Structures are given as C-alpha cells and as structure tokens.
C-alpha cells in the first residue's frame, strides 16, 4: 500500500474514533480526504491543494475565537471550486431540478470537530454569488497554518461569519452528503406547514405565523431568468427554529453547526439551509419564512400561504414556495460500521507501515 494512502487511513481511523467517543486531542493534519457524493474522491495535501489547477483566492477576515477578535488574511481554494475540480457533486437520482440544493459538505477536524456547509450557500448560482467564498485555506499572514502551526496544513475559512466555529482547523475530511429526498407531492396551494426535528414540533398556519415577531425585507433574485424584486413580511427562520427548541448535544462543541433544516414545497421540491448559515452567532443570514408580500405572490397568490425567502441568493432556487414542511436534521458522515472496520485494522496498518521501513532492497522513497 502506498505510504500516503496508509497515512490517510491511519488519520481517518483516528477521526472515526474521535467521532464515536466525542472527544480527542487535535493532531496536526498534513492531508485531508474528499469523499462521499463527489464524482472523483481524492486525498489532498499542500502540494495538490496549492497546485495551478486550483486557482487561489485570498480573503481578509475578522472573526471571534473565544473572547478574542482575530484578524487574518487567508489564501486557499474556494470550497465550491474544489468540488468542481473533483468532477462536481453527484446528481441525486430522482431529483430533476437543483439537486445540489439538497447536498451538504461536512468539514471534519483531526479531533472529530465538525461543521456543515449547505450546497446552496456555497454554489455561485445561489448563496455563493454575492459573498466572499467559503474556502479551504492553506496559508495565512498570521502563521496559523503551516508545518510549525497548531492548525494543520489546511482549515476551513467562512468569511463573514461572526464567530469562528466553522473555521475547522487541522482538516482531515470533507464529506459530501445529501438530505432525504422528499416524496413528489401533488402540488397546489399550501395552507399550513409542519415543523419537526425540534423539541416542540408543530403545525403552522397563517394565523400562527402572524402571531410571531414580524420581519420585513426587500429581496432581488432571478426566477427562470427574469429578475424579481419584492418586499416580504414574515418570520425569521432562525427565530422560528430557536423558539421551537433545537435539539443539541451539550457534550458536542457547537453541535448546532452539524445541523441543517430542509424546506419542502407541496410538489416535493426542496432545499436545505445549514444552521451555521443562519445562526446569528455565525453566518447570520436573515432567511425568512414569508407569509405576505407587495407583489401578491403570497396571501392568496400562486406561492401559497408561506414560502422561503433568501436575501442575497442570485437565483431563486432556495425560495421554496407553497411550503408544507420544515425538518431539522443532523448531517451525517460515514456510518459507525465503517469506522469500526478501520479501527479493527489499525494495528495491521501500523504493522505494515513499520515493516515497509525495514524491507531490504526497497528504496526509502518507496517505503
């Protein structure tokens, strides 16, 4: 087995163990694995991540780490660019339109820490159109990254986030997953939606939405290539979820960053939003569950009694209309059985690694 593949298995075994035990000490990372629903999975190190095939981007960022303000300038490759260079996210069978809006990417650190990014927030057609791109950084001006740093050779950078919870350091894995695919529905005007995956699930109607704190905003986006500008009134998506009670594991640091919410329309069309994108502590994106507008799309119009509104998205793919369901999920990485197999093989891997160093006649470069 090539040494780099052997090293990757050893590192990923460690991460799997950390994920099951819930705690581990961070280890310096020198490579990470890209896998899941991606056309061409692979292993990336500093040389491959900074290669000319991946155009670099540089961003100056400010964020909170603990009680301190951090200002730094990072260079790396955009997360969406990296996915595209690997052949792109695999289309989801049975989803005819905007299937990438059901995908997510989980960034995993060597200590098992995780944060999820939704496909819609990083895709330049949608959320990634007007903000600095989330990136996989491999250098910075503060020397947080590099062989003599504690943050590994690469880390996630989320420009615009208030706190640095999604700045996953010592990156060892990027896993592309997908949300559940809803059953195709009959369509038609919606009159209520369900909220599930929270402490207080329930059914929301126009009357119950109007009883919550109202937010008004104007958004511009394209629908079927046509520019739309409208002023919406509704309830903050974050406020709605937070009031219903997010189910969080207190033993997992920033467990909210492992979760996403799926919005489903009456015809089965759906899109997801990472909670890190909308949590005011992190991305703070003011997404709205709208129930009224000035153009007549809602309140008896063709979009039902409620729809999603995503200010800043270039295209309206995440503006799910005729809303019938909101459901909160925890993003998943490979099932425990995969990690168990890796852990069971760890002694063998370490033995093979030590044996290669001692094989007579094998050049050191090949060991």
Foldseek 3Di string as FASTA:
>chain_A
DFPVVLVLLLLVLLLLVLQVVLWDDFDAAQKAWEDAQAQATDIDGPPRFPDPLFDKDKDWAWADDPNDIDTKIFITGFPQSVRVSRVHGHADPPDDPPSQLQKKKWWAASTNAIFIAGSQCQDCQWNVVFDDGWGWTQDMPVPCADDPHRQHRTWIDDHQWHHCSRRRGNTHYIYMDGDDQFDFAPADAAAWAWEEQFQATDIDGLVNFVVDDKDKDWAWADEPNRIDIKIFITAFPLVVRVVRHHDADPSHPPQLRQKKKWWAARRRQIGIGRSQCCPNNTNVFRKGFTQDIDVQCHPPHRQHRTWIDGHNIHHCSRRRGNTHYMYMDGDDDDDSVVSVVSNVCNVVSVVVVVVVCVDPPDDPVRD
